[in-house]
């Protein structure tokens, strides 16, 4: 059993919980709903994370270097963020490796891009500096 926490829920979150859970004595099941929603969200992230090579991850991680992003602005536009980071207005002015990942990202769903952004968030929130293969393996375990 977890430790009881005190959290503030936005009106939208409260309404989501109220609309999606069975009421218990006229009240939603707050903890159950919150925990189930997080479990489902983690499942979605884990199953949406695309396979990228270390070069791709290096470009993405460095595009958001040092950024802690607790509230991702959606829709995700990672390809545009990379182009802005490198000061490019045309994909053809990027190096081959950057151009390839930008083109690849442009075909990815929002779920895939959100999963990528959460890897970036976990990476920078923990300030890992060790081998990225090992770090990515650990991050995937969190999902």
Protein backbone atom coordinates (compact mmCIF):
# COMPACT_ATOMS: atom_id res chain seq x y z
CA UNK A 1 0.00 0.00 0.00
CA UNK A 2 1.34 3.41 -0.92
CA UNK A 3 1.81 6.42 1.27
CA UNK A 4 -1.13 8.80 1.42
CA UNK A 5 -0.30 12.02 -0.46
CA UNK A 6 -2.04 15.32 -0.66
CA UNK A 7 -2.36 16.60 -4.23
CA UNK A 8 -4.24 19.34 -6.00
CA UNK A 9 -6.39 18.16 -8.90
CA UNK A 10 -7.44 20.59 -11.60
CA UNK A 11 -11.13 20.95 -12.37
CA UNK A 12 -10.59 19.05 -15.60
CA UNK A 13 -8.89 16.17 -13.79
CA UNK A 14 -11.64 16.03 -11.16
CA UNK A 15 -14.26 15.95 -13.91
CA UNK A 16 -12.36 13.18 -15.76
CA UNK A 17 -12.26 11.06 -12.61
CA UNK A 18 -15.92 11.75 -11.86
CA UNK A 19 -16.95 10.85 -15.43
CA UNK A 20 -14.91 7.65 -15.68
CA UNK A 21 -15.34 5.93 -12.33
CA UNK A 22 -18.13 4.22 -10.44
CA UNK A 23 -19.29 6.35 -7.56
CA UNK A 24 -18.79 5.04 -4.04
CA UNK A 25 -21.32 6.62 -1.72
CA UNK A 26 -21.76 9.48 -4.21
CA UNK A 27 -17.99 10.08 -4.47
CA UNK A 28 -15.63 8.88 -7.19
CA UNK A 29 -12.92 6.41 -6.22
CA UNK A 30 -10.12 8.99 -6.31
CA UNK A 31 -7.10 6.80 -5.59
CA UNK A 32 -8.22 3.89 -7.73
CA UNK A 33 -9.01 6.12 -10.68
CA UNK A 34 -5.73 8.04 -10.40
CA UNK A 35 -3.66 4.86 -10.12
CA UNK A 36 -5.47 3.13 -12.99
CA UNK A 37 -5.09 6.18 -15.20
CA UNK A 38 -1.34 6.34 -14.51
CA UNK A 39 -0.97 2.61 -15.17
CA UNK A 40 -2.79 2.98 -18.49
CA UNK A 41 -0.72 6.04 -19.40
CA UNK A 42 2.52 4.18 -18.66
CA UNK A 43 1.31 1.27 -20.78
CA UNK A 44 0.53 3.66 -23.64
CA UNK A 45 3.97 5.26 -23.40
CA UNK A 46 5.76 1.91 -23.25
CA UNK A 47 3.90 0.59 -26.28
CA UNK A 48 4.23 3.81 -28.26
CA UNK A 49 7.97 4.37 -27.81
CA UNK A 50 9.53 3.98 -31.26
CA UNK A 51 12.85 2.28 -31.89
CA UNK A 52 15.51 4.93 -32.43
CA UNK A 53 19.25 4.50 -32.72
CA UNK A 54 21.73 6.23 -30.43
CA UNK A 55 22.43 8.91 -33.01
CA UNK A 56 18.72 9.78 -33.14
CA UNK A 57 18.49 9.85 -29.35
CA UNK A 58 21.61 12.01 -29.14
CA UNK A 59 20.07 14.64 -31.43
CA UNK A 60 16.73 14.59 -29.59
CA UNK A 61 18.24 14.63 -26.07
CA UNK A 62 20.56 17.52 -26.98
CA UNK A 63 17.75 19.48 -28.62
CA UNK A 64 16.10 19.64 -25.20
CA UNK A 65 19.41 19.84 -23.31
CA UNK A 66 18.84 20.47 -19.63
CA UNK A 67 15.10 21.00 -20.05
CA UNK A 68 12.75 19.65 -17.44
CA UNK A 69 9.39 19.52 -19.17
CA UNK A 70 6.66 18.56 -16.72
CA UNK A 71 3.86 19.89 -18.90
CA UNK A 72 4.46 18.98 -22.53
CA UNK A 73 2.95 21.41 -24.99
CA UNK A 74 0.80 19.38 -27.31
CA UNK A 75 0.65 18.65 -30.11
CA UNK A 76 4.28 17.54 -29.99
CA UNK A 77 6.47 18.93 -32.74
CA UNK A 78 9.84 17.35 -32.11
CA UNK A 79 10.94 17.66 -35.75
CA UNK A 80 10.26 21.42 -35.66
CA UNK A 81 12.06 21.73 -32.33
CA UNK A 82 15.14 20.06 -33.83
CA UNK A 83 15.07 22.38 -36.83
CA UNK A 84 14.76 25.42 -34.55
CA UNK A 85 17.59 24.12 -32.35
CA UNK A 86 19.88 23.83 -35.38
CA UNK A 87 18.64 27.10 -36.90
CA UNK A 88 17.31 25.44 -40.03
CA UNK A 89 14.33 26.65 -42.02
CA UNK A 90 14.68 23.95 -44.67
CA UNK A 91 15.22 20.27 -43.89
CA UNK A 92 17.74 20.07 -46.76
CA UNK A 93 20.12 22.42 -44.94
CA UNK A 94 20.50 19.94 -42.05
CA UNK A 95 23.28 17.36 -41.81
CA UNK A 96 22.30 13.90 -43.07
CA UNK A 97 21.74 12.48 -39.57
CA UNK A 98 19.59 15.43 -38.49
CA UNK A 99 17.64 15.43 -41.74
CA UNK A 100 16.95 11.69 -41.39
CA UNK A 101 15.57 11.97 -37.84
CA UNK A 102 13.48 15.05 -38.73
CA UNK A 103 11.92 13.17 -41.64
CA UNK A 104 11.36 10.10 -39.44
CA UNK A 105 9.76 12.21 -36.69
CA UNK A 106 7.41 13.86 -39.18
CA UNK A 107 5.82 10.46 -39.83
CA UNK A 108 5.38 9.58 -36.14
CA UNK A 109 2.10 9.72 -34.28
CA UNK A 110 1.49 12.06 -31.38
CA UNK A 111 1.59 9.05 -29.02
CA UNK A 112 5.06 8.12 -30.30
CA UNK A 113 6.29 11.70 -29.96
CA UNK A 114 4.83 12.00 -26.46
CA UNK A 115 6.64 8.80 -25.44
CA UNK A 116 9.89 10.28 -26.79
CA UNK A 117 9.31 13.50 -24.83
CA UNK A 118 8.81 11.52 -21.63
CA UNK A 119 12.11 9.71 -22.18
CA UNK A 120 13.72 13.14 -22.57
CA UNK A 121 11.97 14.39 -19.42
CA UNK A 122 13.10 11.38 -17.38
CA UNK A 123 16.63 11.72 -18.77
CA UNK A 124 17.03 15.40 -17.84
CA UNK A 125 15.10 15.15 -14.56
CA UNK A 126 17.70 12.63 -13.41
CA UNK A 127 20.73 14.32 -15.02
CA UNK A 128 22.22 11.03 -16.20
CA UNK A 129 25.67 11.22 -17.70
CA UNK A 130 26.54 7.51 -17.97
CA UNK A 131 26.30 5.32 -21.06
CA UNK A 132 23.08 6.17 -22.89
CA UNK A 133 22.32 2.53 -23.77
CA UNK A 134 22.21 1.68 -20.07
CA UNK A 135 20.22 4.83 -19.29
CA UNK A 136 17.64 4.08 -21.99
CA UNK A 137 17.28 0.51 -20.76
CA UNK A 138 16.56 1.85 -17.26
CA UNK A 139 14.10 4.47 -18.55
CA UNK A 140 12.18 1.76 -20.45
CA UNK A 141 11.89 -0.15 -17.17
CA UNK A 142 10.18 2.91 -15.64
CA UNK A 143 7.56 2.73 -18.39
